[in-house]
Amino acid sequence: RRLRRRDESRAMGKPGKIYVHFEAADPNYTMPLELSPELTFDEVVDTFCQRYNSKHGAVRTLDALAVHATVSSSKPVSGDAAVAETVSAGDDVLIVSKDGTYPEQGTATPAPPPASKASNDSNVTETPPPPPPPPR
């Protein structure tokens, strides 16, 4: 696993982004994120998980409550810590599991079906609408 340092970004005068990586299991994903003074690591994790799940949710999902951010492979950071006080623009942040496990590939949990609007009674089911007529 290779992390890419963004020294060239700093040298070229492009401050303001960090690079958030998930590389512990396939599919890997890297997300650039604008660095701001009020940004916390909890917000980094939430944003990363939302984007990861929207891109790779059919294969694997990440639960923001089951992962945390680290600035190196052995240094977890507090979720309420300010990112700008811990890392610099161009630095890498890793998303890792809190317990060292990751959901198996292909085990993305499907969303539950919508509840019936007619009744909350479990014996009542909604009939789906008929299919549209074939084109003429």
Protein backbone atom coordinates (compact mmCIF):
# COMPACT_ATOMS: atom_id res chain seq x y z
CA ARG A 1 0.00 0.00 0.00
CA ARG A 2 1.45 3.29 -0.99
CA LEU A 3 0.37 6.68 0.24
CA ARG A 4 1.08 9.58 -2.00
CA ARG A 5 2.35 12.69 -0.30
CA ARG A 6 1.22 15.88 -1.91
CA ASP A 7 4.44 17.87 -1.50
CA GLU A 8 4.14 19.07 -5.10
CA SER A 9 0.77 20.63 -4.23
CA ARG A 10 2.35 22.66 -1.48
CA ALA A 11 5.28 23.65 -3.69
CA MET A 12 2.93 24.75 -6.47
CA GLY A 13 0.96 27.01 -4.16
CA LYS A 14 -2.20 24.89 -4.02
CA PRO A 15 -2.88 24.85 -0.28
CA GLY A 16 -6.16 23.89 1.24
CA LYS A 17 -6.73 20.21 0.42
CA ILE A 18 -6.10 17.02 2.31
CA TYR A 19 -6.33 13.57 0.75
CA VAL A 20 -8.50 11.03 2.53
CA HIS A 21 -7.83 7.37 1.70
CA PHE A 22 -9.51 4.02 2.30
CA GLU A 23 -7.02 1.31 1.32
CA ALA A 24 -7.69 -1.46 3.84
CA ALA A 25 -10.02 -3.45 1.54
CA ASP A 26 -11.25 -3.33 -2.03
CA PRO A 27 -12.48 -1.13 -3.52
CA ASN A 28 -9.91 1.47 -2.51
CA TYR A 29 -10.90 5.11 -2.69
CA THR A 30 -9.21 8.50 -2.35
CA MET A 31 -11.10 11.73 -1.82
CA PRO A 32 -9.60 15.22 -1.85
CA LEU A 33 -11.22 17.43 0.76
CA GLU A 34 -10.94 21.18 1.23
CA LEU A 35 -9.19 22.03 4.49
CA SER A 36 -10.98 24.62 6.61
CA PRO A 37 -10.32 25.84 10.17
CA GLU A 38 -13.60 24.47 11.58
CA LEU A 39 -13.43 21.02 9.92
CA THR A 40 -13.30 18.11 12.43
CA PHE A 41 -12.21 14.52 11.88
CA ASP A 42 -15.79 13.35 12.56
CA GLU A 43 -16.91 15.51 9.62
CA VAL A 44 -14.12 14.07 7.47
CA VAL A 45 -15.25 10.53 8.30
CA ASP A 46 -18.94 11.32 7.68
CA THR A 47 -18.25 13.02 4.34
CA PHE A 48 -15.88 10.28 3.24
CA CYS A 49 -18.31 7.47 4.11
CA GLN A 50 -21.18 9.20 2.28
CA ARG A 51 -19.11 9.62 -0.89
CA TYR A 52 -17.59 6.13 -0.66
CA ASN A 53 -21.01 4.54 -0.21
CA SER A 54 -22.53 6.51 -3.09
CA LYS A 55 -19.71 5.33 -5.37
CA HIS A 56 -19.09 1.77 -4.08
CA GLY A 57 -22.24 0.93 -2.08
CA ALA A 58 -23.21 -1.98 -4.33
CA VAL A 59 -19.93 -3.70 -3.44
CA ARG A 60 -19.08 -2.48 0.06
CA THR A 61 -20.39 0.12 2.47
CA LEU A 62 -18.55 1.96 5.21
CA ASP A 63 -20.34 2.83 8.44
CA ALA A 64 -19.14 6.17 9.83
CA LEU A 65 -19.64 4.79 13.36
CA ALA A 66 -17.38 1.78 12.68
CA VAL A 67 -14.40 3.64 11.20
CA HIS A 68 -12.16 6.49 12.29
CA ALA A 69 -9.49 8.72 10.82
CA THR A 70 -5.76 8.32 11.39
CA VAL A 71 -2.87 10.46 10.27
CA SER A 72 -0.56 7.46 10.18
CA SER A 73 -1.16 3.74 10.41
CA SER A 74 -0.80 3.79 14.20
CA LYS A 75 -2.07 7.21 15.28
CA PRO A 76 -5.87 7.52 15.54
CA VAL A 77 -7.12 11.05 16.07
CA SER A 78 -10.01 12.28 18.17
CA GLY A 79 -13.19 12.80 16.14
CA ASP A 80 -13.77 16.27 17.55
CA ALA A 81 -10.19 17.42 16.86
CA ALA A 82 -9.76 20.22 14.34
CA VAL A 83 -8.19 18.82 11.18
CA ALA A 84 -6.25 22.03 10.44
CA GLU A 85 -4.52 21.81 13.84
CA THR A 86 -3.40 18.21 13.22
CA VAL A 87 -2.46 18.03 9.52
CA SER A 88 -1.30 20.42 6.84
CA ALA A 89 -2.62 21.02 3.35
CA GLY A 90 -1.51 18.20 1.09
CA ASP A 91 -1.31 15.61 3.89
CA ASP A 92 -2.89 12.17 3.79
CA VAL A 93 -5.56 10.95 6.21
CA LEU A 94 -6.49 7.26 6.40
CA ILE A 95 -9.92 5.84 7.13
CA VAL A 96 -9.60 2.60 9.10
CA SER A 97 -11.91 0.28 11.01
CA LYS A 98 -12.15 0.83 14.76
CA ASP A 99 -12.07 -2.92 15.42
CA GLY A 100 -9.86 -4.02 12.53
CA THR A 101 -12.64 -5.71 10.54
CA TYR A 102 -14.40 -4.66 7.37
CA PRO A 103 -17.68 -5.85 5.87
CA GLU A 104 -17.21 -8.70 3.41
CA GLN A 105 -17.18 -7.82 -0.25
CA GLY A 106 -20.70 -7.87 -1.67
CA THR A 107 -22.43 -7.55 1.70
CA ALA A 108 -23.79 -4.07 1.29
CA THR A 109 -27.00 -3.90 3.27
CA PRO A 110 -29.95 -3.05 1.02
CA ALA A 111 -32.28 -0.31 2.14
CA PRO A 112 -35.44 -1.62 3.77
CA PRO A 113 -38.59 -1.48 1.62
CA PRO A 114 -40.74 1.59 2.17
CA ALA A 115 -43.49 1.20 4.75
CA SER A 116 -47.04 0.91 3.52
CA LYS A 117 -48.80 4.26 3.62
CA ALA A 118 -52.19 2.61 4.03
CA SER A 119 -51.52 1.01 7.37
CA ASN A 120 -48.80 0.00 9.78
CA ASP A 121 -50.50 -3.40 10.15
CA SER A 122 -48.06 -6.10 9.02
CA ASN A 123 -50.92 -8.06 7.41
CA VAL A 124 -51.69 -5.26 4.95
CA THR A 125 -49.58 -5.08 1.81
CA GLU A 126 -49.59 -2.56 -0.98
CA THR A 127 -50.28 -3.78 -4.50
CA PRO A 128 -47.74 -2.39 -6.96
CA PRO A 129 -49.11 -0.31 -9.83
CA PRO A 130 -49.70 -2.11 -13.15
CA PRO A 131 -46.92 -1.88 -15.73
CA PRO A 132 -47.23 0.83 -18.36
CA PRO A 133 -48.85 -0.15 -21.67
CA PRO A 134 -46.47 -1.13 -24.47
CA PRO A 135 -45.50 1.62 -26.92
CA ARG A 136 -47.52 1.84 -30.14
